Amino acid sequence: QQGRILSGCRDNPRCLFLASQAFEKALQQDPSSFHGWYCQAQVLTDIGLFENESSYFIEASNHFENALPFLDSDPNIKKEDFYRKWGYCLASYGR
């Protein structure tokens, strides 16, 4: 929950880094957490955009890939939104 709150501050790099740490900790506790992988992927994409650093996009894409097997576990997540955000991550890497 802490990660979700902090990740809402998309224009604050400190909050994004703290959100990333919170999601990593959550994933250590539950590696089958769709939201852990998915939210961490989005935060890493935001950090990559903010820092203009491609390594974050690669890591984010890996997190999207890890979230994929658990995508159907949350009926509130639309598959097209998931793939759109993953595509945005990859497009940002290609810039």
N, C-alpha and C. Protein backbone atom coordinates (compact mmCIF):
# COMPACT_ATOMS: atom_id res chain seq x y z
N GLN A 1 0.82 -1.19 0.00
CA GLN A 1 0.00 0.00 0.00
C GLN A 1 0.87 1.26 0.00
N GLN A 2 1.97 1.23 0.74
CA GLN A 2 2.86 2.38 0.78
C GLN A 2 3.40 2.69 -0.62
N GLY A 3 3.74 1.64 -1.35
CA GLY A 3 4.25 1.84 -2.71
C GLY A 3 3.23 2.49 -3.62
N ARG A 4 1.98 2.10 -3.49
CA ARG A 4 0.93 2.69 -4.33
C ARG A 4 0.75 4.17 -4.04
N ILE A 5 0.78 4.52 -2.76
CA ILE A 5 0.63 5.93 -2.39
C ILE A 5 1.80 6.75 -2.93
N LEU A 6 3.02 6.25 -2.71
CA LEU A 6 4.20 6.98 -3.16
C LEU A 6 4.29 7.06 -4.68
N SER A 7 3.83 6.02 -5.37
CA SER A 7 3.92 6.02 -6.83
C SER A 7 2.97 7.03 -7.46
N GLY A 8 2.02 7.52 -6.69
CA GLY A 8 1.11 8.54 -7.19
C GLY A 8 1.78 9.89 -7.39
N CYS A 9 2.94 10.08 -6.80
CA CYS A 9 3.71 11.33 -6.94
C CYS A 9 4.68 11.17 -8.10
N ARG A 10 4.15 11.11 -9.30
CA ARG A 10 4.95 10.79 -10.49
C ARG A 10 5.98 11.85 -10.85
N ASP A 11 5.84 13.06 -10.33
CA ASP A 11 6.80 14.11 -10.65
C ASP A 11 7.82 14.32 -9.52
N ASN A 12 7.85 13.39 -8.57
CA ASN A 12 8.77 13.49 -7.45
C ASN A 12 9.69 12.26 -7.45
N PRO A 13 10.94 12.43 -7.88
CA PRO A 13 11.83 11.27 -7.99
C PRO A 13 12.07 10.56 -6.65
N ARG A 14 12.12 11.29 -5.58
CA ARG A 14 12.33 10.65 -4.26
C ARG A 14 11.16 9.71 -3.95
N CYS A 15 9.95 10.16 -4.19
CA CYS A 15 8.78 9.30 -3.96
C CYS A 15 8.81 8.08 -4.87
N LEU A 16 9.22 8.26 -6.11
CA LEU A 16 9.29 7.13 -7.04
C LEU A 16 10.32 6.09 -6.58
N PHE A 17 11.47 6.54 -6.12
CA PHE A 17 12.49 5.61 -5.63
C PHE A 17 12.01 4.89 -4.37
N LEU A 18 11.33 5.61 -3.49
CA LEU A 18 10.78 4.97 -2.28
C LEU A 18 9.68 3.98 -2.63
N ALA A 19 8.86 4.32 -3.62
CA ALA A 19 7.82 3.40 -4.08
C ALA A 19 8.45 2.14 -4.65
N SER A 20 9.51 2.30 -5.42
CA SER A 20 10.21 1.16 -6.00
C SER A 20 10.75 0.24 -4.90
N GLN A 21 11.32 0.82 -3.87
CA GLN A 21 11.82 0.02 -2.75
C GLN A 21 10.68 -0.73 -2.06
N ALA A 22 9.55 -0.07 -1.89
CA ALA A 22 8.40 -0.71 -1.25
C ALA A 22 7.88 -1.88 -2.09
N PHE A 23 7.83 -1.71 -3.41
CA PHE A 23 7.36 -2.78 -4.27
C PHE A 23 8.34 -3.95 -4.29
N GLU A 24 9.63 -3.65 -4.28
CA GLU A 24 10.63 -4.73 -4.24
C GLU A 24 10.49 -5.54 -2.96
N LYS A 25 10.28 -4.85 -1.86
CA LYS A 25 10.09 -5.54 -0.58
C LYS A 25 8.83 -6.41 -0.63
N ALA A 26 7.77 -5.88 -1.19
CA ALA A 26 6.52 -6.64 -1.30
C ALA A 26 6.71 -7.87 -2.19
N LEU A 27 7.50 -7.73 -3.26
CA LEU A 27 7.74 -8.86 -4.15
C LEU A 27 8.61 -9.93 -3.51
N GLN A 28 9.48 -9.53 -2.61
CA GLN A 28 10.27 -10.52 -1.87
C GLN A 28 9.36 -11.35 -0.97
N GLN A 29 8.34 -10.72 -0.42
CA GLN A 29 7.41 -11.41 0.46
C GLN A 29 6.41 -12.25 -0.33
N ASP A 30 6.02 -11.78 -1.51
CA ASP A 30 5.03 -12.50 -2.33
C ASP A 30 5.38 -12.36 -3.81
N PRO A 31 6.23 -13.24 -4.32
CA PRO A 31 6.64 -13.13 -5.73
C PRO A 31 5.54 -13.45 -6.73
N SER A 32 4.39 -13.87 -6.26
CA SER A 32 3.28 -14.13 -7.19
C SER A 32 2.26 -12.98 -7.18
N SER A 33 2.66 -11.84 -6.65
CA SER A 33 1.78 -10.68 -6.58
C SER A 33 1.74 -9.95 -7.92
N PHE A 34 0.61 -10.04 -8.60
CA PHE A 34 0.47 -9.32 -9.86
C PHE A 34 0.71 -7.83 -9.66
N HIS A 35 0.07 -7.27 -8.64
CA HIS A 35 0.19 -5.83 -8.42
C HIS A 35 1.61 -5.41 -8.07
N GLY A 36 2.33 -6.26 -7.38
CA GLY A 36 3.73 -5.94 -7.09
C GLY A 36 4.55 -5.79 -8.36
N TRP A 37 4.44 -6.76 -9.27
CA TRP A 37 5.17 -6.70 -10.53
C TRP A 37 4.69 -5.55 -11.41
N TYR A 38 3.37 -5.43 -11.51
CA TYR A 38 2.76 -4.44 -12.40
C TYR A 38 3.06 -3.01 -11.94
N CYS A 39 2.86 -2.76 -10.67
CA CYS A 39 3.10 -1.41 -10.15
C CYS A 39 4.59 -1.06 -10.18
N GLN A 40 5.43 -2.03 -9.87
CA GLN A 40 6.88 -1.79 -9.93
C GLN A 40 7.29 -1.48 -11.37
N ALA A 41 6.73 -2.17 -12.33
CA ALA A 41 7.04 -1.90 -13.73
C ALA A 41 6.67 -0.46 -14.11
N GLN A 42 5.51 -0.01 -13.64
CA GLN A 42 5.08 1.36 -13.95
C GLN A 42 5.99 2.39 -13.28
N VAL A 43 6.37 2.11 -12.04
CA VAL A 43 7.26 3.04 -11.33
C VAL A 43 8.62 3.10 -12.01
N LEU A 44 9.15 1.96 -12.41
CA LEU A 44 10.45 1.96 -13.10
C LEU A 44 10.37 2.70 -14.43
N THR A 45 9.25 2.59 -15.12
CA THR A 45 9.06 3.35 -16.35
C THR A 45 9.09 4.85 -16.05
N ASP A 46 8.39 5.26 -14.99
CA ASP A 46 8.38 6.68 -14.61
C ASP A 46 9.78 7.16 -14.22
N ILE A 47 10.51 6.34 -13.49
CA ILE A 47 11.87 6.72 -13.10
C ILE A 47 12.74 6.86 -14.36
N GLY A 48 12.59 5.91 -15.28
CA GLY A 48 13.36 5.98 -16.52
C GLY A 48 13.08 7.26 -17.30
N LEU A 49 11.81 7.65 -17.34
CA LEU A 49 11.45 8.90 -18.01
C LEU A 49 12.05 10.11 -17.29
N PHE A 50 11.96 10.08 -15.97
CA PHE A 50 12.46 11.21 -15.19
C PHE A 50 13.99 11.31 -15.28
N GLU A 51 14.66 10.18 -15.17
CA GLU A 51 16.13 10.15 -15.17
C GLU A 51 16.71 10.11 -16.59
N ASN A 52 15.85 9.86 -17.58
CA ASN A 52 16.30 9.69 -18.96
C ASN A 52 17.38 8.61 -19.04
N GLU A 53 17.06 7.46 -18.42
CA GLU A 53 18.01 6.36 -18.31
C GLU A 53 17.37 5.07 -18.81
N SER A 54 17.93 4.51 -19.86
CA SER A 54 17.32 3.36 -20.52
C SER A 54 17.31 2.09 -19.68
N SER A 55 18.23 1.94 -18.75
CA SER A 55 18.28 0.71 -17.95
C SER A 55 16.99 0.51 -17.16
N TYR A 56 16.33 1.58 -16.78
CA TYR A 56 15.07 1.46 -16.04
C TYR A 56 13.96 0.87 -16.93
N PHE A 57 13.99 1.20 -18.22
CA PHE A 57 12.98 0.65 -19.13
C PHE A 57 13.17 -0.85 -19.33
N ILE A 58 14.42 -1.28 -19.39
CA ILE A 58 14.70 -2.71 -19.52
C ILE A 58 14.20 -3.45 -18.29
N GLU A 59 14.53 -2.91 -17.13
CA GLU A 59 14.07 -3.53 -15.88
C GLU A 59 12.55 -3.51 -15.78
N ALA A 60 11.94 -2.41 -16.19
CA ALA A 60 10.48 -2.32 -16.16
C ALA A 60 9.85 -3.35 -17.08
N SER A 61 10.41 -3.51 -18.27
CA SER A 61 9.88 -4.51 -19.20
C SER A 61 9.97 -5.91 -18.61
N ASN A 62 11.06 -6.20 -17.92
CA ASN A 62 11.20 -7.50 -17.25
C ASN A 62 10.11 -7.69 -16.19
N HIS A 63 9.77 -6.62 -15.50
CA HIS A 63 8.72 -6.69 -14.49
C HIS A 63 7.34 -6.89 -15.13
N PHE A 64 7.10 -6.22 -16.26
CA PHE A 64 5.85 -6.47 -16.99
C PHE A 64 5.77 -7.94 -17.39
N GLU A 65 6.89 -8.47 -17.86
CA GLU A 65 6.92 -9.88 -18.27
C GLU A 65 6.64 -10.80 -17.09
N ASN A 66 7.18 -10.47 -15.92
CA ASN A 66 6.94 -11.28 -14.72
C ASN A 66 5.49 -11.17 -14.24
N ALA A 67 4.85 -10.05 -14.52
CA ALA A 67 3.45 -9.86 -14.13
C ALA A 67 2.50 -10.63 -15.03
N LEU A 68 2.91 -10.87 -16.25
CA LEU A 68 2.04 -11.47 -17.26
C LEU A 68 1.35 -12.77 -16.82
N PRO A 69 2.06 -13.72 -16.20
CA PRO A 69 1.37 -14.96 -15.80
C PRO A 69 0.25 -14.75 -14.78
N PHE A 70 0.28 -13.62 -14.09
CA PHE A 70 -0.70 -13.35 -13.04
C PHE A 70 -1.77 -12.35 -13.49
N LEU A 71 -1.73 -11.97 -14.75
CA LEU A 71 -2.64 -10.94 -15.27
C LEU A 71 -4.10 -11.28 -15.04
N ASP A 72 -4.47 -12.52 -15.20
CA ASP A 72 -5.88 -12.91 -15.04
C ASP A 72 -6.32 -12.98 -13.59
N SER A 73 -5.38 -12.79 -12.66
CA SER A 73 -5.74 -12.87 -11.24
C SER A 73 -6.50 -11.65 -10.75
N ASP A 74 -6.49 -10.56 -11.52
CA ASP A 74 -7.22 -9.35 -11.14
C ASP A 74 -8.19 -8.98 -12.25
N PRO A 75 -9.48 -9.25 -12.05
CA PRO A 75 -10.46 -8.95 -13.10
C PRO A 75 -10.66 -7.45 -13.33
N ASN A 76 -10.14 -6.60 -12.44
CA ASN A 76 -10.28 -5.15 -12.59
C ASN A 76 -9.26 -4.55 -13.56
N ILE A 77 -8.22 -5.31 -13.87
CA ILE A 77 -7.20 -4.82 -14.80
C ILE A 77 -7.58 -5.25 -16.21
N LYS A 78 -7.71 -4.27 -17.07
CA LYS A 78 -8.02 -4.56 -18.47
C LYS A 78 -6.72 -4.95 -19.19
N LYS A 79 -6.78 -6.02 -19.93
CA LYS A 79 -5.59 -6.50 -20.63
C LYS A 79 -5.03 -5.44 -21.58
N GLU A 80 -5.93 -4.71 -22.24
CA GLU A 80 -5.44 -3.69 -23.17
C GLU A 80 -4.69 -2.58 -22.46
N ASP A 81 -5.08 -2.26 -21.21
CA ASP A 81 -4.34 -1.26 -20.43
C ASP A 81 -2.96 -1.78 -20.05
N PHE A 82 -2.92 -3.04 -19.65
CA PHE A 82 -1.64 -3.66 -19.29
C PHE A 82 -0.68 -3.62 -20.48
N TYR A 83 -1.15 -4.07 -21.65
CA TYR A 83 -0.29 -4.11 -22.82
C TYR A 83 0.05 -2.71 -23.33
N ARG A 84 -0.86 -1.76 -23.17
CA ARG A 84 -0.57 -0.38 -23.56
C ARG A 84 0.56 0.20 -22.72
N LYS A 85 0.51 -0.05 -21.42
CA LYS A 85 1.55 0.47 -20.53
C LYS A 85 2.89 -0.21 -20.80
N TRP A 86 2.84 -1.51 -21.08
CA TRP A 86 4.07 -2.23 -21.43
C TRP A 86 4.63 -1.68 -22.74
N GLY A 87 3.76 -1.46 -23.71
CA GLY A 87 4.18 -0.89 -24.99
C GLY A 87 4.78 0.50 -24.83
N TYR A 88 4.17 1.30 -23.96
CA TYR A 88 4.70 2.64 -23.69
C TYR A 88 6.10 2.55 -23.11
N CYS A 89 6.31 1.59 -22.21
CA CYS A 89 7.63 1.37 -21.63
C CYS A 89 8.64 1.05 -22.72
N LEU A 90 8.28 0.11 -23.62
CA LEU A 90 9.19 -0.27 -24.68
C LEU A 90 9.43 0.87 -25.67
N ALA A 91 8.39 1.64 -25.96
CA ALA A 91 8.55 2.79 -26.85
C ALA A 91 9.46 3.84 -26.23
N SER A 92 9.36 4.01 -24.92
CA SER A 92 10.23 4.97 -24.23
C SER A 92 11.68 4.52 -24.27
N TYR A 93 11.88 3.21 -24.20
CA TYR A 93 13.23 2.66 -24.31
C TYR A 93 13.80 2.92 -25.70
N GLY A 94 12.95 2.90 -26.70
CA GLY A 94 13.39 3.08 -28.08
C GLY A 94 13.71 4.52 -28.46
N ARG A 95 13.43 5.44 -27.58
CA ARG A 95 13.67 6.86 -27.92
C ARG A 95 15.14 7.19 -27.91
